[in-house]
Amino acid sequence: MMIEWEHVLKLRDDIGSGAFASVVEMFLDEVEAVLMRLDVSDADQLCRDMHLLKGCALNLGFSEFVRLCAIGESRAATGHASQADLDAVLSCYSRSKQLFLRDLPHVAGVDPLGGLGVA
């Protein structure tokens, strides 16, 4: 399962639909900024970036993306940053984002991006 919808719905219920839309927008902006700078040649930064991505993704239920970020973080932390599969991380995020934005209005009854669609 790429998205844990129960987690998404709980977050929406906990913070309200208006705040939820802001959280989604901030999540997408922050994650995409970090994804653009991922680099296996700097293991310490890669470890920090993967940890940040993992934490952000946990908040919005991107479960498969969380798993891949955890693997990348572990590899970077143990001196094997070059073995982090950044292509898989990027691809998973793209698929997860597309699924999330496509299904969110139907599952959660909100369209936090106001119909901006999937980039």
PDB file of N, CA and C in Angstrom:
ATOM      1  N   MET A   1       0.844  -1.175   0.000  1.00  0.00           N
ATOM      2  CA  MET A   1       0.000   0.000   0.000  1.00  0.00           C
ATOM      3  C   MET A   1       0.897   1.248   0.000  1.00  0.00           C
ATOM      4  N   MET A   2       0.684   2.113  -0.954  1.00  0.00           N
ATOM      5  CA  MET A   2       1.523   3.314  -1.055  1.00  0.00           C
ATOM      6  C   MET A   2       1.081   4.409  -0.091  1.00  0.00           C
ATOM      7  N   ILE A   3      -0.226   4.521   0.136  1.00  0.00           N
ATOM      8  CA  ILE A   3      -0.760   5.566   1.008  1.00  0.00           C
ATOM      9  C   ILE A   3      -1.586   4.908   2.111  1.00  0.00           C
ATOM     10  N   GLU A   4      -1.316   5.292   3.331  1.00  0.00           N
ATOM     11  CA  GLU A   4      -2.123   4.833   4.466  1.00  0.00           C
ATOM     12  C   GLU A   4      -3.242   5.855   4.681  1.00  0.00           C
ATOM     13  N   TRP A   5      -4.358   5.618   4.038  1.00  0.00           N
ATOM     14  CA  TRP A   5      -5.447   6.583   4.049  1.00  0.00           C
ATOM     15  C   TRP A   5      -6.028   6.813   5.434  1.00  0.00           C
ATOM     16  N   GLU A   6      -6.009   5.793   6.284  1.00  0.00           N
ATOM     17  CA  GLU A   6      -6.525   5.971   7.647  1.00  0.00           C
ATOM     18  C   GLU A   6      -5.726   7.046   8.373  1.00  0.00           C
ATOM     19  N   HIS A   7      -4.413   7.049   8.148  1.00  0.00           N
ATOM     20  CA  HIS A   7      -3.545   8.046   8.773  1.00  0.00           C
ATOM     21  C   HIS A   7      -3.873   9.436   8.224  1.00  0.00           C
ATOM     22  N   VAL A   8      -4.090   9.535   6.936  1.00  0.00           N
ATOM     23  CA  VAL A   8      -4.433  10.804   6.291  1.00  0.00           C
ATOM     24  C   VAL A   8      -5.736  11.345   6.871  1.00  0.00           C
ATOM     25  N   LEU A   9      -6.734  10.484   6.984  1.00  0.00           N
ATOM     26  CA  LEU A   9      -8.034  10.911   7.498  1.00  0.00           C
ATOM     27  C   LEU A   9      -7.949  11.349   8.953  1.00  0.00           C
ATOM     28  N   LYS A  10      -7.142  10.654   9.739  1.00  0.00           N
ATOM     29  CA  LYS A  10      -6.961  11.036  11.143  1.00  0.00           C
ATOM     30  C   LYS A  10      -6.307  12.408  11.233  1.00  0.00           C
ATOM     31  N   LEU A  11      -5.278  12.646  10.428  1.00  0.00           N
ATOM     32  CA  LEU A  11      -4.627  13.952  10.425  1.00  0.00           C
ATOM     33  C   LEU A  11      -5.628  15.037  10.029  1.00  0.00           C
ATOM     34  N   ARG A  12      -6.390  14.811   8.977  1.00  0.00           N
ATOM     35  CA  ARG A  12      -7.399  15.789   8.543  1.00  0.00           C
ATOM     36  C   ARG A  12      -8.397  16.076   9.649  1.00  0.00           C
ATOM     37  N   ASP A  13      -8.857  15.020  10.320  1.00  0.00           N
ATOM     38  CA  ASP A  13      -9.822  15.194  11.400  1.00  0.00           C
ATOM     39  C   ASP A  13      -9.205  15.924  12.596  1.00  0.00           C
ATOM     40  N   ASP A  14      -7.938  15.633  12.883  1.00  0.00           N
ATOM     41  CA  ASP A  14      -7.261  16.252  14.027  1.00  0.00           C
ATOM     42  C   ASP A  14      -7.019  17.740  13.837  1.00  0.00           C
ATOM     43  N   ILE A  15      -6.678  18.150  12.613  1.00  0.00           N
ATOM     44  CA  ILE A  15      -6.299  19.552  12.413  1.00  0.00           C
ATOM     45  C   ILE A  15      -7.335  20.357  11.637  1.00  0.00           C
ATOM     46  N   GLY A  16      -8.317  19.703  11.042  1.00  0.00           N
ATOM     47  CA  GLY A  16      -9.347  20.394  10.275  1.00  0.00           C
ATOM     48  C   GLY A  16      -8.963  20.499   8.803  1.00  0.00           C
ATOM     49  N   SER A  17      -9.964  20.621   7.958  1.00  0.00           N
ATOM     50  CA  SER A  17      -9.746  20.624   6.509  1.00  0.00           C
ATOM     51  C   SER A  17      -8.907  21.798   6.027  1.00  0.00           C
ATOM     52  N   GLY A  18      -9.135  22.985   6.591  1.00  0.00           N
ATOM     53  CA  GLY A  18      -8.378  24.158   6.157  1.00  0.00           C
ATOM     54  C   GLY A  18      -6.899  24.032   6.469  1.00  0.00           C
ATOM     55  N   ALA A  19      -6.578  23.650   7.683  1.00  0.00           N
ATOM     56  CA  ALA A  19      -5.174  23.459   8.075  1.00  0.00           C
ATOM     57  C   ALA A  19      -4.573  22.285   7.312  1.00  0.00           C
ATOM     58  N   PHE A  20      -5.379  21.280   7.055  1.00  0.00           N
ATOM     59  CA  PHE A  20      -4.890  20.112   6.325  1.00  0.00           C
ATOM     60  C   PHE A  20      -4.417  20.510   4.932  1.00  0.00           C
ATOM     61  N   ALA A  21      -5.170  21.365   4.263  1.00  0.00           N
ATOM     62  CA  ALA A  21      -4.775  21.824   2.929  1.00  0.00           C
ATOM     63  C   ALA A  21      -3.420  22.521   2.987  1.00  0.00           C
ATOM     64  N   SER A  22      -3.199  23.321   4.012  1.00  0.00           N
ATOM     65  CA  SER A  22      -1.904  23.996   4.182  1.00  0.00           C
ATOM     66  C   SER A  22      -0.785  23.008   4.437  1.00  0.00           C
ATOM     67  N   VAL A  23      -1.054  21.992   5.237  1.00  0.00           N
ATOM     68  CA  VAL A  23      -0.055  20.963   5.539  1.00  0.00           C
ATOM     69  C   VAL A  23       0.332  20.225   4.255  1.00  0.00           C
ATOM     70  N   VAL A  24      -0.649  19.875   3.445  1.00  0.00           N
ATOM     71  CA  VAL A  24      -0.369  19.176   2.189  1.00  0.00           C
ATOM     72  C   VAL A  24       0.506  20.035   1.289  1.00  0.00           C
ATOM     73  N   GLU A  25       0.153  21.302   1.166  1.00  0.00           N
ATOM     74  CA  GLU A  25       0.931  22.201   0.311  1.00  0.00           C
ATOM     75  C   GLU A  25       2.370  22.343   0.820  1.00  0.00           C
ATOM     76  N   MET A  26       2.541  22.525   2.129  1.00  0.00           N
ATOM     77  CA  MET A  26       3.892  22.633   2.703  1.00  0.00           C
ATOM     78  C   MET A  26       4.673  21.342   2.516  1.00  0.00           C
ATOM     79  N   PHE A  27       4.001  20.205   2.703  1.00  0.00           N
ATOM     80  CA  PHE A  27       4.636  18.906   2.526  1.00  0.00           C
ATOM     81  C   PHE A  27       5.192  18.776   1.115  1.00  0.00           C
ATOM     82  N   LEU A  28       4.361  19.050   0.123  1.00  0.00           N
ATOM     83  CA  LEU A  28       4.797  18.905  -1.264  1.00  0.00           C
ATOM     84  C   LEU A  28       5.964  19.834  -1.576  1.00  0.00           C
ATOM     85  N   ASP A  29       5.877  21.079  -1.132  1.00  0.00           N
ATOM     86  CA  ASP A  29       6.955  22.041  -1.384  1.00  0.00           C
ATOM     87  C   ASP A  29       8.257  21.604  -0.731  1.00  0.00           C
ATOM     88  N   GLU A  30       8.187  21.219   0.542  1.00  0.00           N
ATOM     89  CA  GLU A  30       9.402  20.842   1.272  1.00  0.00           C
ATOM     90  C   GLU A  30      10.024  19.571   0.712  1.00  0.00           C
ATOM     91  N   VAL A  31       9.212  18.571   0.486  1.00  0.00           N
ATOM     92  CA  VAL A  31       9.731  17.301  -0.028  1.00  0.00           C
ATOM     93  C   VAL A  31      10.381  17.508  -1.394  1.00  0.00           C
ATOM     94  N   GLU A  32       9.741  18.241  -2.256  1.00  0.00           N
ATOM     95  CA  GLU A  32      10.293  18.430  -3.596  1.00  0.00           C
ATOM     96  C   GLU A  32      11.588  19.240  -3.577  1.00  0.00           C
ATOM     97  N   ALA A  33      11.711  20.179  -2.655  1.00  0.00           N
ATOM     98  CA  ALA A  33      12.964  20.924  -2.519  1.00  0.00           C
ATOM     99  C   ALA A  33      14.092  20.007  -2.068  1.00  0.00           C
ATOM    100  N   VAL A  34      13.803  19.131  -1.131  1.00  0.00           N
ATOM    101  CA  VAL A  34      14.827  18.189  -0.639  1.00  0.00           C
ATOM    102  C   VAL A  34      15.171  17.171  -1.722  1.00  0.00           C
ATOM    103  N   LEU A  35      14.186  16.667  -2.423  1.00  0.00           N
ATOM    104  CA  LEU A  35      14.448  15.685  -3.474  1.00  0.00           C
ATOM    105  C   LEU A  35      15.394  16.244  -4.536  1.00  0.00           C
ATOM    106  N   MET A  36      15.293  17.525  -4.817  1.00  0.00           N
ATOM    107  CA  MET A  36      16.138  18.139  -5.844  1.00  0.00           C
ATOM    108  C   MET A  36      17.612  18.189  -5.447  1.00  0.00           C
ATOM    109  N   ARG A  37      17.893  18.122  -4.152  1.00  0.00           N
ATOM    110  CA  ARG A  37      19.283  18.241  -3.721  1.00  0.00           C
ATOM    111  C   ARG A  37      19.913  16.908  -3.293  1.00  0.00           C
ATOM    112  N   LEU A  38      19.178  15.814  -3.381  1.00  0.00           N
ATOM    113  CA  LEU A  38      19.728  14.530  -2.955  1.00  0.00           C
ATOM    114  C   LEU A  38      21.004  14.209  -3.720  1.00  0.00           C
ATOM    115  N   ASP A  39      22.025  13.765  -2.987  1.00  0.00           N
ATOM    116  CA  ASP A  39      23.334  13.513  -3.584  1.00  0.00           C
ATOM    117  C   ASP A  39      24.042  12.435  -2.779  1.00  0.00           C
ATOM    118  N   VAL A  40      24.369  11.331  -3.426  1.00  0.00           N
ATOM    119  CA  VAL A  40      25.033  10.230  -2.716  1.00  0.00           C
ATOM    120  C   VAL A  40      26.485  10.539  -2.382  1.00  0.00           C
ATOM    121  N   SER A  41      27.046  11.606  -2.929  1.00  0.00           N
ATOM    122  CA  SER A  41      28.455  11.909  -2.658  1.00  0.00           C
ATOM    123  C   SER A  41      28.680  12.565  -1.296  1.00  0.00           C
ATOM    124  N   ASP A  42      27.622  13.001  -0.629  1.00  0.00           N
ATOM    125  CA  ASP A  42      27.722  13.591   0.711  1.00  0.00           C
ATOM    126  C   ASP A  42      26.860  12.752   1.650  1.00  0.00           C
ATOM    127  N   ALA A  43      27.479  11.738   2.245  1.00  0.00           N
ATOM    128  CA  ALA A  43      26.733  10.769   3.058  1.00  0.00           C
ATOM    129  C   ALA A  43      26.032  11.422   4.245  1.00  0.00           C
ATOM    130  N   ASP A  44      26.690  12.373   4.903  1.00  0.00           N
ATOM    131  CA  ASP A  44      26.068  13.014   6.063  1.00  0.00           C
ATOM    132  C   ASP A  44      24.814  13.794   5.666  1.00  0.00           C
ATOM    133  N   GLN A  45      24.915  14.561   4.593  1.00  0.00           N
ATOM    134  CA  GLN A  45      23.752  15.330   4.134  1.00  0.00           C
ATOM    135  C   GLN A  45      22.662  14.401   3.618  1.00  0.00           C
ATOM    136  N   LEU A  46      23.054  13.351   2.923  1.00  0.00           N
ATOM    137  CA  LEU A  46      22.061  12.398   2.426  1.00  0.00           C
ATOM    138  C   LEU A  46      21.317  11.749   3.590  1.00  0.00           C
ATOM    139  N   CYS A  47      22.034  11.407   4.636  1.00  0.00           N
ATOM    140  CA  CYS A  47      21.408  10.814   5.822  1.00  0.00           C
ATOM    141  C   CYS A  47      20.393  11.788   6.423  1.00  0.00           C
ATOM    142  N   ARG A  48      20.778  13.057   6.566  1.00  0.00           N
ATOM    143  CA  ARG A  48      19.859  14.073   7.105  1.00  0.00           C
ATOM    144  C   ARG A  48      18.656  14.269   6.188  1.00  0.00           C
ATOM    145  N   ASP A  49      18.916  14.327   4.883  1.00  0.00           N
ATOM    146  CA  ASP A  49      17.819  14.535   3.934  1.00  0.00           C
ATOM    147  C   ASP A  49      16.852  13.359   3.931  1.00  0.00           C
ATOM    148  N   MET A  50      17.363  12.158   3.949  1.00  0.00           N
ATOM    149  CA  MET A  50      16.496  10.973   3.968  1.00  0.00           C
ATOM    150  C   MET A  50      15.677  10.922   5.262  1.00  0.00           C
ATOM    151  N   HIS A  51      16.299  11.323   6.357  1.00  0.00           N
ATOM    152  CA  HIS A  51      15.591  11.349   7.639  1.00  0.00           C
ATOM    153  C   HIS A  51      14.457  12.381   7.581  1.00  0.00           C
ATOM    154  N   LEU A  52      14.742  13.555   7.030  1.00  0.00           N
ATOM    155  CA  LEU A  52      13.727  14.592   6.895  1.00  0.00           C
ATOM    156  C   LEU A  52      12.583  14.123   5.987  1.00  0.00           C
ATOM    157  N   LEU A  53      12.923  13.541   4.857  1.00  0.00           N
ATOM    158  CA  LEU A  53      11.902  13.039   3.942  1.00  0.00           C
ATOM    159  C   LEU A  53      11.045  11.970   4.608  1.00  0.00           C
ATOM    160  N   LYS A  54      11.697  11.091   5.333  1.00  0.00           N
ATOM    161  CA  LYS A  54      10.977  10.015   6.027  1.00  0.00           C
ATOM    162  C   LYS A  54       9.973  10.602   7.015  1.00  0.00           C
ATOM    163  N   GLY A  55      10.399  11.591   7.786  1.00  0.00           N
ATOM    164  CA  GLY A  55       9.513  12.211   8.764  1.00  0.00           C
ATOM    165  C   GLY A  55       8.346  12.936   8.112  1.00  0.00           C
ATOM    166  N   CYS A  56       8.632  13.666   7.065  1.00  0.00           N
ATOM    167  CA  CYS A  56       7.557  14.365   6.336  1.00  0.00           C
ATOM    168  C   CYS A  56       6.554  13.362   5.784  1.00  0.00           C
ATOM    169  N   ALA A  57       7.048  12.315   5.183  1.00  0.00           N
ATOM    170  CA  ALA A  57       6.183  11.320   4.554  1.00  0.00           C
ATOM    171  C   ALA A  57       5.338  10.558   5.567  1.00  0.00           C
ATOM    172  N   LEU A  58       5.892  10.346   6.747  1.00  0.00           N
ATOM    173  CA  LEU A  58       5.119   9.684   7.798  1.00  0.00           C
ATOM    174  C   LEU A  58       3.874  10.485   8.138  1.00  0.00           C
ATOM    175  N   ASN A  59       4.004  11.807   8.153  1.00  0.00           N
ATOM    176  CA  ASN A  59       2.877  12.664   8.508  1.00  0.00           C
ATOM    177  C   ASN A  59       1.708  12.537   7.548  1.00  0.00           C
ATOM    178  N   LEU A  60       1.979  12.243   6.281  1.00  0.00           N
ATOM    179  CA  LEU A  60       0.901  12.152   5.298  1.00  0.00           C
ATOM    180  C   LEU A  60       0.663  10.736   4.782  1.00  0.00           C
ATOM    181  N   GLY A  61       1.197   9.755   5.476  1.00  0.00           N
ATOM    182  CA  GLY A  61       0.870   8.373   5.161  1.00  0.00           C
ATOM    183  C   GLY A  61       1.481   7.818   3.889  1.00  0.00           C
ATOM    184  N   PHE A  62       2.576   8.406   3.409  1.00  0.00           N
ATOM    185  CA  PHE A  62       3.250   7.894   2.205  1.00  0.00           C
ATOM    186  C   PHE A  62       4.110   6.694   2.598  1.00  0.00           C
ATOM    187  N   SER A  63       3.497   5.567   2.878  1.00  0.00           N
ATOM    188  CA  SER A  63       4.166   4.435   3.517  1.00  0.00           C
ATOM    189  C   SER A  63       5.303   3.823   2.694  1.00  0.00           C
ATOM    190  N   GLU A  64       5.132   3.636   1.424  1.00  0.00           N
ATOM    191  CA  GLU A  64       6.196   3.041   0.610  1.00  0.00           C
ATOM    192  C   GLU A  64       7.370   4.011   0.487  1.00  0.00           C
ATOM    193  N   PHE A  65       7.082   5.279   0.344  1.00  0.00           N
ATOM    194  CA  PHE A  65       8.123   6.306   0.289  1.00  0.00           C
ATOM    195  C   PHE A  65       8.892   6.343   1.611  1.00  0.00           C
ATOM    196  N   VAL A  66       8.185   6.221   2.726  1.00  0.00           N
ATOM    197  CA  VAL A  66       8.830   6.162   4.047  1.00  0.00           C
ATOM    198  C   VAL A  66       9.815   4.998   4.085  1.00  0.00           C
ATOM    199  N   ARG A  67       9.379   3.847   3.609  1.00  0.00           N
ATOM    200  CA  ARG A  67      10.226   2.649   3.633  1.00  0.00           C
ATOM    201  C   ARG A  67      11.508   2.866   2.831  1.00  0.00           C
ATOM    202  N   LEU A  68      11.382   3.429   1.645  1.00  0.00           N
ATOM    203  CA  LEU A  68      12.560   3.652   0.810  1.00  0.00           C
ATOM    204  C   LEU A  68      13.490   4.713   1.412  1.00  0.00           C
ATOM    205  N   CYS A  69      12.919   5.742   2.014  1.00  0.00           N
ATOM    206  CA  CYS A  69      13.742   6.766   2.669  1.00  0.00           C
ATOM    207  C   CYS A  69      14.482   6.177   3.865  1.00  0.00           C
ATOM    208  N   ALA A  70      13.843   5.295   4.605  1.00  0.00           N
ATOM    209  CA  ALA A  70      14.498   4.651   5.746  1.00  0.00           C
ATOM    210  C   ALA A  70      15.681   3.805   5.286  1.00  0.00           C
ATOM    211  N   ILE A  71      15.516   3.113   4.183  1.00  0.00           N
ATOM    212  CA  ILE A  71      16.617   2.317   3.634  1.00  0.00           C
ATOM    213  C   ILE A  71      17.758   3.239   3.211  1.00  0.00           C
ATOM    214  N   GLY A  72      17.440   4.306   2.505  1.00  0.00           N
ATOM    215  CA  GLY A  72      18.462   5.262   2.083  1.00  0.00           C
ATOM    216  C   GLY A  72      19.164   5.898   3.262  1.00  0.00           C
ATOM    217  N   GLU A  73      18.414   6.254   4.283  1.00  0.00           N
ATOM    218  CA  GLU A  73      18.995   6.838   5.491  1.00  0.00           C
ATOM    219  C   GLU A  73      19.948   5.859   6.156  1.00  0.00           C
ATOM    220  N   SER A  74      19.536   4.623   6.259  1.00  0.00           N
ATOM    221  CA  SER A  74      20.377   3.599   6.876  1.00  0.00           C
ATOM    222  C   SER A  74      21.662   3.383   6.089  1.00  0.00           C
ATOM    223  N   ARG A  75      21.546   3.319   4.789  1.00  0.00           N
ATOM    224  CA  ARG A  75      22.737   3.127   3.956  1.00  0.00           C
ATOM    225  C   ARG A  75      23.686   4.310   4.092  1.00  0.00           C
ATOM    226  N   ALA A  76      23.165   5.511   4.084  1.00  0.00           N
ATOM    227  CA  ALA A  76      24.018   6.696   4.232  1.00  0.00           C
ATOM    228  C   ALA A  76      24.666   6.729   5.611  1.00  0.00           C
ATOM    229  N   ALA A  77      23.915   6.357   6.636  1.00  0.00           N
ATOM    230  CA  ALA A  77      24.428   6.392   8.008  1.00  0.00           C
ATOM    231  C   ALA A  77      25.513   5.355   8.255  1.00  0.00           C
ATOM    232  N   THR A  78      25.509   4.286   7.487  1.00  0.00           N
ATOM    233  CA  THR A  78      26.491   3.214   7.691  1.00  0.00           C
ATOM    234  C   THR A  78      27.624   3.252   6.676  1.00  0.00           C
ATOM    235  N   GLY A  79      27.758   4.389   5.989  1.00  0.00           N
ATOM    236  CA  GLY A  79      28.867   4.547   5.058  1.00  0.00           C
ATOM    237  C   GLY A  79      28.649   3.952   3.690  1.00  0.00           C
ATOM    238  N   HIS A  80      27.400   3.660   3.348  1.00  0.00           N
ATOM    239  CA  HIS A  80      27.081   3.072   2.050  1.00  0.00           C
ATOM    240  C   HIS A  80      26.131   3.964   1.256  1.00  0.00           C
ATOM    241  N   ALA A  81      26.371   5.271   1.311  1.00  0.00           N
ATOM    242  CA  ALA A  81      25.483   6.221   0.637  1.00  0.00           C
ATOM    243  C   ALA A  81      25.359   5.929  -0.851  1.00  0.00           C
ATOM    244  N   SER A  82      26.437   5.460  -1.456  1.00  0.00           N
ATOM    245  CA  SER A  82      26.395   5.191  -2.894  1.00  0.00           C
ATOM    246  C   SER A  82      25.418   4.066  -3.244  1.00  0.00           C
ATOM    247  N   GLN A  83      25.023   3.284  -2.252  1.00  0.00           N
ATOM    248  CA  GLN A  83      24.069   2.202  -2.481  1.00  0.00           C
ATOM    249  C   GLN A  83      22.618   2.644  -2.281  1.00  0.00           C
ATOM    250  N   ALA A  84      22.423   3.906  -1.902  1.00  0.00           N
ATOM    251  CA  ALA A  84      21.060   4.424  -1.770  1.00  0.00           C
ATOM    252  C   ALA A  84      20.464   4.548  -3.171  1.00  0.00           C
ATOM    253  N   ASP A  85      19.307   3.987  -3.365  1.00  0.00           N
ATOM    254  CA  ASP A  85      18.665   3.970  -4.670  1.00  0.00           C
ATOM    255  C   ASP A  85      17.804   5.225  -4.839  1.00  0.00           C
ATOM    256  N   LEU A  86      18.456   6.317  -5.237  1.00  0.00           N
ATOM    257  CA  LEU A  86      17.744   7.581  -5.371  1.00  0.00           C
ATOM    258  C   LEU A  86      16.698   7.537  -6.478  1.00  0.00           C
ATOM    259  N   ASP A  87      16.956   6.776  -7.534  1.00  0.00           N
ATOM    260  CA  ASP A  87      15.956   6.645  -8.596  1.00  0.00           C
ATOM    261  C   ASP A  87      14.666   6.034  -8.058  1.00  0.00           C
ATOM    262  N   ALA A  88      14.803   5.024  -7.213  1.00  0.00           N
ATOM    263  CA  ALA A  88      13.619   4.390  -6.623  1.00  0.00           C
ATOM    264  C   ALA A  88      12.892   5.359  -5.699  1.00  0.00           C
ATOM    265  N   VAL A  89      13.640   6.142  -4.940  1.00  0.00           N
ATOM    266  CA  VAL A  89      13.038   7.129  -4.039  1.00  0.00           C
ATOM    267  C   VAL A  89      12.251   8.156  -4.843  1.00  0.00           C
ATOM    268  N   LEU A  90      12.870   8.693  -5.879  1.00  0.00           N
ATOM    269  CA  LEU A  90      12.209   9.709  -6.707  1.00  0.00           C
ATOM    270  C   LEU A  90      10.980   9.145  -7.420  1.00  0.00           C
ATOM    271  N   SER A  91      11.121   7.964  -7.962  1.00  0.00           N
ATOM    272  CA  SER A  91      10.008   7.326  -8.660  1.00  0.00           C
ATOM    273  C   SER A  91       8.848   7.035  -7.712  1.00  0.00           C
ATOM    274  N   CYS A  92       9.167   6.536  -6.543  1.00  0.00           N
ATOM    275  CA  CYS A  92       8.131   6.220  -5.558  1.00  0.00           C
ATOM    276  C   CYS A  92       7.406   7.487  -5.133  1.00  0.00           C
ATOM    277  N   TYR A  93       8.165   8.553  -4.897  1.00  0.00           N
ATOM    278  CA  TYR A  93       7.515   9.815  -4.517  1.00  0.00           C
ATOM    279  C   TYR A  93       6.567  10.273  -5.620  1.00  0.00           C
ATOM    280  N   SER A  94       7.015  10.233  -6.843  1.00  0.00           N
ATOM    281  CA  SER A  94       6.190  10.675  -7.957  1.00  0.00           C
ATOM    282  C   SER A  94       4.893   9.867  -8.040  1.00  0.00           C
ATOM    283  N   ARG A  95       5.000   8.551  -7.942  1.00  0.00           N
ATOM    284  CA  ARG A  95       3.811   7.690  -7.994  1.00  0.00           C
ATOM    285  C   ARG A  95       2.905   7.943  -6.793  1.00  0.00           C
ATOM    286  N   SER A  96       3.513   8.091  -5.612  1.00  0.00           N
ATOM    287  CA  SER A  96       2.736   8.321  -4.388  1.00  0.00           C
ATOM    288  C   SER A  96       2.000   9.654  -4.459  1.00  0.00           C
ATOM    289  N   LYS A  97       2.685  10.681  -4.917  1.00  0.00           N
ATOM    290  CA  LYS A  97       2.070  12.005  -5.036  1.00  0.00           C
ATOM    291  C   LYS A  97       0.899  11.968  -6.008  1.00  0.00           C
ATOM    292  N   GLN A  98       1.103  11.324  -7.149  1.00  0.00           N
ATOM    293  CA  GLN A  98       0.047  11.239  -8.140  1.00  0.00           C
ATOM    294  C   GLN A  98      -1.177  10.522  -7.570  1.00  0.00           C
ATOM    295  N   LEU A  99      -0.966   9.405  -6.917  1.00  0.00           N
ATOM    296  CA  LEU A  99      -2.057   8.642  -6.307  1.00  0.00           C
ATOM    297  C   LEU A  99      -2.737   9.463  -5.221  1.00  0.00           C
ATOM    298  N   PHE A 100      -1.941  10.104  -4.379  1.00  0.00           N
ATOM    299  CA  PHE A 100      -2.459  10.906  -3.278  1.00  0.00           C
ATOM    300  C   PHE A 100      -3.358  12.032  -3.795  1.00  0.00           C
ATOM    301  N   LEU A 101      -2.854  12.796  -4.749  1.00  0.00           N
ATOM    302  CA  LEU A 101      -3.625  13.926  -5.259  1.00  0.00           C
ATOM    303  C   LEU A 101      -4.841  13.481  -6.058  1.00  0.00           C
ATOM    304  N   ARG A 102      -4.725  12.354  -6.730  1.00  0.00           N
ATOM    305  CA  ARG A 102      -5.863  11.832  -7.493  1.00  0.00           C
ATOM    306  C   ARG A 102      -6.989  11.377  -6.570  1.00  0.00           C
ATOM    307  N   ASP A 103      -6.622  10.657  -5.501  1.00  0.00           N
ATOM    308  CA  ASP A 103      -7.630  10.015  -4.660  1.00  0.00           C
ATOM    309  C   ASP A 103      -8.057  10.827  -3.446  1.00  0.00           C
ATOM    310  N   LEU A 104      -7.287  11.823  -3.060  1.00  0.00           N
ATOM    311  CA  LEU A 104      -7.602  12.577  -1.849  1.00  0.00           C
ATOM    312  C   LEU A 104      -9.003  13.185  -1.857  1.00  0.00           C
ATOM    313  N   PRO A 105      -9.445  13.823  -2.926  1.00  0.00           N
ATOM    314  CA  PRO A 105     -10.801  14.380  -2.899  1.00  0.00           C
ATOM    315  C   PRO A 105     -11.882  13.320  -2.678  1.00  0.00           C
ATOM    316  N   HIS A 106     -11.653  12.118  -3.181  1.00  0.00           N
ATOM    317  CA  HIS A 106     -12.641  11.043  -3.043  1.00  0.00           C
ATOM    318  C   HIS A 106     -12.584  10.396  -1.665  1.00  0.00           C
ATOM    319  N   VAL A 107     -11.376  10.199  -1.156  1.00  0.00           N
ATOM    320  CA  VAL A 107     -11.206   9.508   0.126  1.00  0.00           C
ATOM    321  C   VAL A 107     -11.475  10.445   1.300  1.00  0.00           C
ATOM    322  N   ALA A 108     -10.927  11.658   1.225  1.00  0.00           N
ATOM    323  CA  ALA A 108     -11.004  12.566   2.364  1.00  0.00           C
ATOM    324  C   ALA A 108     -12.020  13.688   2.177  1.00  0.00           C
ATOM    325  N   GLY A 109     -12.599  13.789   0.994  1.00  0.00           N
ATOM    326  CA  GLY A 109     -13.594  14.822   0.769  1.00  0.00           C
ATOM    327  C   GLY A 109     -13.026  16.227   0.687  1.00  0.00           C
ATOM    328  N   VAL A 110     -11.726  16.344   0.462  1.00  0.00           N
ATOM    329  CA  VAL A 110     -11.103  17.664   0.321  1.00  0.00           C
ATOM    330  C   VAL A 110     -10.173  17.649  -0.876  1.00  0.00           C
ATOM    331  N   ASP A 111     -10.054  18.806  -1.485  1.00  0.00           N
ATOM    332  CA  ASP A 111      -9.098  18.996  -2.579  1.00  0.00           C
ATOM    333  C   ASP A 111      -8.184  20.136  -2.143  1.00  0.00           C
ATOM    334  N   PRO A 112      -7.133  19.803  -1.359  1.00  0.00           N
ATOM    335  CA  PRO A 112      -6.328  20.832  -0.727  1.00  0.00           C
ATOM    336  C   PRO A 112      -5.595  21.737  -1.699  1.00  0.00           C
ATOM    337  N   LEU A 113      -5.403  21.303  -2.918  1.00  0.00           N
ATOM    338  CA  LEU A 113      -4.671  22.133  -3.871  1.00  0.00           C
ATOM    339  C   LEU A 113      -5.620  22.862  -4.819  1.00  0.00           C
ATOM    340  N   GLY A 114      -6.895  22.810  -4.518  1.00  0.00           N
ATOM    341  CA  GLY A 114      -7.861  23.549  -5.315  1.00  0.00           C
ATOM    342  C   GLY A 114      -7.875  23.180  -6.777  1.00  0.00           C
ATOM    343  N   GLY A 115      -7.624  21.894  -7.055  1.00  0.00           N
ATOM    344  CA  GLY A 115      -7.666  21.442  -8.439  1.00  0.00           C
ATOM    345  C   GLY A 115      -6.432  21.757  -9.233  1.00  0.00           C
ATOM    346  N   LEU A 116      -5.323  22.023  -8.560  1.00  0.00           N
ATOM    347  CA  LEU A 116      -4.089  22.333  -9.292  1.00  0.00           C
ATOM    348  C   LEU A 116      -3.568  21.129 -10.055  1.00  0.00           C
ATOM    349  N   GLY A 117      -3.965  19.950  -9.636  1.00  0.00           N
ATOM    350  CA  GLY A 117      -3.549  18.753 -10.366  1.00  0.00           C
ATOM    351  C   GLY A 117      -2.191  18.257  -9.970  1.00  0.00           C
ATOM    352  N   VAL A 118      -1.720  17.277 -10.698  1.00  0.00           N
ATOM    353  CA  VAL A 118      -0.465  16.608 -10.423  1.00  0.00           C
ATOM    354  C   VAL A 118       0.595  17.132 -11.364  1.00  0.00           C
ATOM    355  N   ALA A 119       1.720  17.522 -10.781  1.00  0.00           N
ATOM    356  CA  ALA A 119       2.833  18.008 -11.613  1.00  0.00           C
ATOM    357  C   ALA A 119       3.660  16.851 -12.103  1.00  0.00           C
TER     358      ALA A 119
END
